[in-house]
C-alpha cells in the first residue's frame, strides 16, 4: 500500500511541475523534476500491484500459481529496476550530447 501511495504522490508532484512548465517551458529545473517524477512514479505503482498479486496468490492458494508468490514480486520488481536503470542511462546519454550527432544512435 505504501508503494502505491508513494507512486501516486510522485505522479501528483510530476503533474504539478508539468503545469508549472505551461507558462515557462524552458526552465530546466522544472523540466528535470517533471521528467524524473513522471518516470519513477509508474515503477512504484506497478510495484504495489506486484505486491498485491503475491498476496492474491497466497489468498487463493499457491497451488493455482506456476510460480511462488514471492518469486513474482522479486521477478517483476527486478525487471522494473532494470528498466529504470536503462531509462536513466538513456537520459544521461541524451543530456550529455551537445549536437544532434552526439545524441543520435548509429545504425548498425
N, C-alpha and C. Protein backbone atom coordinates (compact mmCIF):
# COMPACT_ATOMS: atom_id res chain seq x y z
N UNK A 1 0.82 -1.18 0.00
CA UNK A 1 0.00 0.00 0.00
C UNK A 1 0.87 1.26 0.00
N UNK A 2 1.99 1.19 0.71
CA UNK A 2 2.90 2.33 0.77
C UNK A 2 3.48 2.64 -0.61
N UNK A 3 3.83 1.59 -1.36
CA UNK A 3 4.38 1.80 -2.70
C UNK A 3 3.36 2.48 -3.61
N UNK A 4 2.10 2.10 -3.48
CA UNK A 4 1.05 2.69 -4.30
C UNK A 4 0.86 4.17 -3.96
N UNK A 5 0.82 4.49 -2.66
CA UNK A 5 0.66 5.89 -2.25
C UNK A 5 1.87 6.73 -2.65
N UNK A 6 3.06 6.16 -2.53
CA UNK A 6 4.26 6.88 -2.93
C UNK A 6 4.26 7.13 -4.44
N UNK A 7 3.85 6.15 -5.21
CA UNK A 7 3.75 6.33 -6.66
C UNK A 7 2.74 7.39 -7.03
N UNK A 8 1.59 7.39 -6.36
CA UNK A 8 0.57 8.40 -6.65
C UNK A 8 1.04 9.80 -6.25
N UNK A 9 1.75 9.90 -5.12
CA UNK A 9 2.29 11.20 -4.70
C UNK A 9 3.31 11.71 -5.70
N UNK A 10 4.16 10.82 -6.21
CA UNK A 10 5.14 11.22 -7.22
C UNK A 10 4.46 11.66 -8.52
N UNK A 11 3.37 10.98 -8.88
CA UNK A 11 2.61 11.38 -10.06
C UNK A 11 2.03 12.78 -9.89
N UNK A 12 1.48 13.04 -8.71
CA UNK A 12 0.88 14.36 -8.46
C UNK A 12 1.95 15.44 -8.55
N UNK A 13 3.10 15.22 -7.92
CA UNK A 13 4.19 16.20 -7.98
C UNK A 13 4.67 16.37 -9.42
N UNK A 14 4.75 15.28 -10.16
CA UNK A 14 5.17 15.36 -11.55
C UNK A 14 4.22 16.18 -12.40
N UNK A 15 2.93 16.00 -12.19
CA UNK A 15 1.97 16.78 -12.95
C UNK A 15 1.90 18.23 -12.50
N UNK A 16 2.18 18.48 -11.23
CA UNK A 16 2.27 19.87 -10.77
C UNK A 16 3.44 20.57 -11.45
N UNK A 17 4.59 19.89 -11.55
CA UNK A 17 5.72 20.51 -12.25
C UNK A 17 5.43 20.64 -13.74
N UNK A 18 4.62 19.75 -14.28
CA UNK A 18 4.24 19.88 -15.69
C UNK A 18 3.36 21.11 -15.89
N UNK A 19 2.47 21.36 -14.95
CA UNK A 19 1.63 22.57 -15.01
C UNK A 19 2.51 23.81 -14.89
N UNK A 20 3.54 23.75 -14.05
CA UNK A 20 4.45 24.88 -13.90
C UNK A 20 5.20 25.16 -15.20
N UNK A 21 5.39 24.14 -16.03
CA UNK A 21 6.05 24.32 -17.32
C UNK A 21 5.15 24.99 -18.36
N UNK A 22 3.87 25.11 -18.08
CA UNK A 22 2.95 25.67 -19.05
C UNK A 22 3.31 27.10 -19.43
N UNK A 23 3.59 27.93 -18.44
CA UNK A 23 3.90 29.33 -18.71
C UNK A 23 5.34 29.52 -19.19
N UNK A 24 6.27 28.82 -18.59
CA UNK A 24 7.69 28.92 -18.94
C UNK A 24 8.24 27.54 -19.26
N UNK A 25 8.14 27.08 -20.51
CA UNK A 25 8.55 25.72 -20.84
C UNK A 25 10.06 25.51 -20.88
N UNK A 26 10.85 26.55 -20.77
CA UNK A 26 12.29 26.40 -20.90
C UNK A 26 13.04 26.53 -19.59
N UNK A 27 12.35 26.39 -18.47
CA UNK A 27 13.01 26.36 -17.17
C UNK A 27 13.54 24.94 -16.96
N UNK A 28 14.85 24.81 -16.94
CA UNK A 28 15.47 23.49 -16.93
C UNK A 28 15.18 22.71 -15.65
N UNK A 29 15.19 23.37 -14.50
CA UNK A 29 14.95 22.66 -13.23
C UNK A 29 13.55 22.06 -13.18
N UNK A 30 12.55 22.80 -13.60
CA UNK A 30 11.19 22.27 -13.62
C UNK A 30 11.05 21.11 -14.60
N UNK A 31 11.71 21.22 -15.73
CA UNK A 31 11.66 20.14 -16.72
C UNK A 31 12.30 18.88 -16.18
N UNK A 32 13.43 19.01 -15.49
CA UNK A 32 14.12 17.85 -14.93
C UNK A 32 13.27 17.21 -13.85
N UNK A 33 12.65 18.02 -12.98
CA UNK A 33 11.77 17.47 -11.94
C UNK A 33 10.59 16.74 -12.56
N UNK A 34 9.99 17.36 -13.57
CA UNK A 34 8.86 16.74 -14.26
C UNK A 34 9.27 15.39 -14.85
N UNK A 35 10.40 15.36 -15.48
CA UNK A 35 10.87 14.14 -16.13
C UNK A 35 11.19 13.04 -15.12
N UNK A 36 11.85 13.40 -14.04
CA UNK A 36 12.23 12.41 -13.03
C UNK A 36 10.99 11.84 -12.33
N UNK A 37 10.10 12.72 -11.88
CA UNK A 37 8.94 12.24 -11.13
C UNK A 37 8.02 11.38 -11.98
N UNK A 38 7.78 11.80 -13.22
CA UNK A 38 6.87 11.03 -14.06
C UNK A 38 7.52 9.80 -14.68
N UNK A 39 8.82 9.65 -14.52
CA UNK A 39 9.49 8.43 -14.95
C UNK A 39 9.53 7.41 -13.82
N UNK A 40 9.75 7.86 -12.61
CA UNK A 40 9.88 6.94 -11.47
C UNK A 40 8.53 6.51 -10.92
N UNK A 41 7.53 7.36 -10.96
CA UNK A 41 6.25 7.08 -10.32
C UNK A 41 5.57 5.79 -10.80
N UNK A 42 5.52 5.49 -12.10
CA UNK A 42 4.87 4.24 -12.51
C UNK A 42 5.55 2.98 -11.98
N UNK A 43 6.84 3.05 -11.72
CA UNK A 43 7.53 1.89 -11.16
C UNK A 43 7.03 1.60 -9.74
N UNK A 44 6.75 2.64 -8.97
CA UNK A 44 6.22 2.42 -7.62
C UNK A 44 4.79 1.89 -7.68
N UNK A 45 4.01 2.40 -8.61
CA UNK A 45 2.63 1.93 -8.75
C UNK A 45 2.62 0.46 -9.17
N UNK A 46 3.46 0.11 -10.13
CA UNK A 46 3.49 -1.30 -10.56
C UNK A 46 4.06 -2.19 -9.45
N UNK A 47 4.99 -1.69 -8.64
CA UNK A 47 5.48 -2.48 -7.51
C UNK A 47 4.36 -2.76 -6.52
N UNK A 48 3.49 -1.78 -6.30
CA UNK A 48 2.33 -2.00 -5.44
C UNK A 48 1.41 -3.06 -6.00
N UNK A 49 1.24 -3.06 -7.32
CA UNK A 49 0.40 -4.08 -7.96
C UNK A 49 1.04 -5.45 -7.83
N UNK A 50 2.36 -5.53 -7.99
CA UNK A 50 3.05 -6.82 -7.85
C UNK A 50 2.94 -7.36 -6.44
N UNK A 51 3.01 -6.49 -5.44
CA UNK A 51 2.85 -6.93 -4.06
C UNK A 51 1.43 -7.43 -3.81
N UNK A 52 0.44 -6.76 -4.41
CA UNK A 52 -0.94 -7.22 -4.30
C UNK A 52 -1.12 -8.57 -4.99
N UNK A 53 -0.45 -8.75 -6.12
CA UNK A 53 -0.54 -10.02 -6.84
C UNK A 53 -0.02 -11.17 -5.99
N UNK A 54 1.08 -10.94 -5.29
CA UNK A 54 1.61 -12.01 -4.45
C UNK A 54 0.66 -12.33 -3.30
N UNK A 55 -0.01 -11.33 -2.77
CA UNK A 55 -0.98 -11.58 -1.69
C UNK A 55 -2.22 -12.29 -2.21
N UNK A 56 -2.62 -11.99 -3.45
CA UNK A 56 -3.76 -12.68 -4.05
C UNK A 56 -3.44 -14.15 -4.27
N UNK A 57 -2.20 -14.43 -4.68
CA UNK A 57 -1.79 -15.82 -4.88
C UNK A 57 -1.82 -16.58 -3.56
N UNK A 58 -1.34 -15.95 -2.50
CA UNK A 58 -1.38 -16.59 -1.18
C UNK A 58 -2.83 -16.80 -0.73
N UNK A 59 -3.70 -15.83 -1.02
CA UNK A 59 -5.09 -15.91 -0.59
C UNK A 59 -5.85 -17.04 -1.29
N UNK A 60 -5.67 -17.16 -2.60
CA UNK A 60 -6.41 -18.17 -3.35
C UNK A 60 -5.71 -19.52 -3.41
N UNK A 61 -4.48 -19.58 -2.96
CA UNK A 61 -3.77 -20.86 -2.92
C UNK A 61 -2.59 -20.88 -3.87
N UNK A 62 -1.46 -21.26 -3.32
CA UNK A 62 -0.23 -21.31 -4.12
C UNK A 62 -0.27 -22.42 -5.18
N UNK A 63 -1.14 -23.39 -4.99
CA UNK A 63 -1.24 -24.48 -5.96
C UNK A 63 -1.80 -24.04 -7.30
N UNK A 64 -2.49 -22.92 -7.33
CA UNK A 64 -3.05 -22.42 -8.59
C UNK A 64 -2.04 -21.63 -9.41
N UNK A 65 -0.91 -21.31 -8.82
CA UNK A 65 0.10 -20.49 -9.50
C UNK A 65 1.27 -21.35 -9.93
N UNK A 66 1.84 -21.01 -11.05
CA UNK A 66 3.01 -21.75 -11.53
C UNK A 66 4.27 -21.39 -10.75
N UNK A 67 4.32 -20.15 -10.27
CA UNK A 67 5.48 -19.69 -9.52
C UNK A 67 5.09 -19.40 -8.09
N UNK A 68 6.08 -19.36 -7.23
CA UNK A 68 5.88 -18.99 -5.84
C UNK A 68 5.44 -17.53 -5.78
N UNK A 69 4.67 -17.17 -4.79
CA UNK A 69 4.16 -15.80 -4.68
C UNK A 69 5.31 -14.80 -4.55
N UNK A 70 6.32 -15.14 -3.80
CA UNK A 70 7.46 -14.24 -3.62
C UNK A 70 8.26 -14.09 -4.91
N UNK A 71 8.26 -15.12 -5.74
CA UNK A 71 9.01 -15.07 -7.00
C UNK A 71 8.45 -14.02 -7.94
N UNK A 72 7.12 -13.87 -7.97
CA UNK A 72 6.51 -12.84 -8.81
C UNK A 72 7.00 -11.45 -8.42
N UNK A 73 6.99 -11.19 -7.13
CA UNK A 73 7.41 -9.86 -6.65
C UNK A 73 8.87 -9.60 -6.99
N UNK A 74 9.72 -10.56 -6.70
CA UNK A 74 11.16 -10.39 -6.97
C UNK A 74 11.41 -10.22 -8.46
N UNK A 75 10.79 -11.06 -9.28
CA UNK A 75 11.00 -11.02 -10.72
C UNK A 75 10.53 -9.70 -11.33
N UNK A 76 9.32 -9.28 -11.00
CA UNK A 76 8.77 -8.07 -11.60
C UNK A 76 9.44 -6.81 -11.08
N UNK A 77 9.73 -6.76 -9.78
CA UNK A 77 10.40 -5.57 -9.23
C UNK A 77 11.82 -5.45 -9.76
N UNK A 78 12.50 -6.58 -9.96
CA UNK A 78 13.83 -6.54 -10.56
C UNK A 78 13.77 -6.04 -12.00
N UNK A 79 12.77 -6.49 -12.75
CA UNK A 79 12.65 -6.01 -14.13
C UNK A 79 12.30 -4.52 -14.18
N UNK A 80 11.50 -4.04 -13.22
CA UNK A 80 11.24 -2.60 -13.14
C UNK A 80 12.51 -1.82 -12.83
N UNK A 81 13.32 -2.33 -11.92
CA UNK A 81 14.57 -1.67 -11.57
C UNK A 81 15.51 -1.61 -12.78
N UNK A 82 15.61 -2.71 -13.51
CA UNK A 82 16.46 -2.73 -14.70
C UNK A 82 15.96 -1.73 -15.74
N UNK A 83 14.65 -1.65 -15.93
CA UNK A 83 14.13 -0.69 -16.92
C UNK A 83 14.37 0.75 -16.47
N UNK A 84 14.28 1.03 -15.18
CA UNK A 84 14.58 2.38 -14.70
C UNK A 84 16.06 2.73 -14.91
N UNK A 85 16.92 1.76 -14.69
CA UNK A 85 18.35 1.99 -14.92
C UNK A 85 18.61 2.27 -16.39
N UNK A 86 17.99 1.50 -17.28
CA UNK A 86 18.16 1.72 -18.71
C UNK A 86 17.61 3.09 -19.13
N UNK A 87 16.49 3.50 -18.57
CA UNK A 87 15.95 4.82 -18.87
C UNK A 87 16.88 5.92 -18.37
N UNK A 88 17.46 5.70 -17.19
CA UNK A 88 18.40 6.69 -16.66
C UNK A 88 19.66 6.80 -17.50
N UNK A 89 20.17 5.67 -17.96
CA UNK A 89 21.35 5.69 -18.82
C UNK A 89 21.03 6.38 -20.14
N UNK A 90 19.88 6.08 -20.71
CA UNK A 90 19.48 6.74 -21.96
C UNK A 90 19.31 8.24 -21.79
N UNK A 91 18.70 8.65 -20.69
CA UNK A 91 18.55 10.07 -20.43
C UNK A 91 19.88 10.76 -20.20
N UNK A 92 20.78 10.08 -19.51
CA UNK A 92 22.11 10.66 -19.27
C UNK A 92 22.88 10.80 -20.58
N UNK A 93 22.80 9.81 -21.43
CA UNK A 93 23.49 9.89 -22.73
C UNK A 93 22.90 11.00 -23.59
N UNK A 94 21.58 11.15 -23.54
CA UNK A 94 20.94 12.19 -24.34
C UNK A 94 21.26 13.58 -23.80
N UNK A 95 21.44 13.70 -22.49
CA UNK A 95 21.70 15.03 -21.93
C UNK A 95 23.14 15.45 -22.08
N UNK A 96 24.05 14.50 -22.25
CA UNK A 96 25.47 14.83 -22.39
C UNK A 96 25.78 15.36 -23.79
N UNK A 97 25.05 14.88 -24.78
CA UNK A 97 25.32 15.29 -26.15
C UNK A 97 25.03 16.76 -26.39
N UNK A 98 25.92 17.41 -27.12
CA UNK A 98 25.74 18.83 -27.40
C UNK A 98 25.18 19.08 -28.79
N UNK A 99 25.39 18.15 -29.69
CA UNK A 99 24.86 18.29 -31.04
C UNK A 99 23.94 17.12 -31.35
N UNK A 100 23.23 17.20 -32.46
CA UNK A 100 22.33 16.13 -32.85
C UNK A 100 23.08 14.84 -33.13
N UNK A 101 24.27 14.95 -33.69
CA UNK A 101 25.06 13.76 -33.99
C UNK A 101 25.54 13.06 -32.73
N UNK A 102 25.75 13.81 -31.64
CA UNK A 102 26.18 13.20 -30.39
C UNK A 102 25.06 12.37 -29.77
N UNK A 103 23.81 12.79 -29.98
CA UNK A 103 22.68 12.11 -29.37
C UNK A 103 22.17 10.97 -30.24
N UNK A 104 22.32 11.07 -31.53
CA UNK A 104 21.80 10.08 -32.47
C UNK A 104 22.52 8.76 -32.30
N UNK A 105 21.74 7.67 -32.30
CA UNK A 105 22.29 6.32 -32.21
C UNK A 105 22.68 5.88 -33.61
N UNK A 106 23.91 5.38 -33.80
CA UNK A 106 24.31 4.96 -35.16
C UNK A 106 23.56 3.71 -35.60
N UNK A 107 23.28 3.63 -36.89
CA UNK A 107 22.64 2.46 -37.46
C UNK A 107 23.67 1.36 -37.65
N UNK A 108 23.29 0.12 -37.33
CA UNK A 108 24.25 -0.99 -37.50
C UNK A 108 24.46 -1.37 -38.94
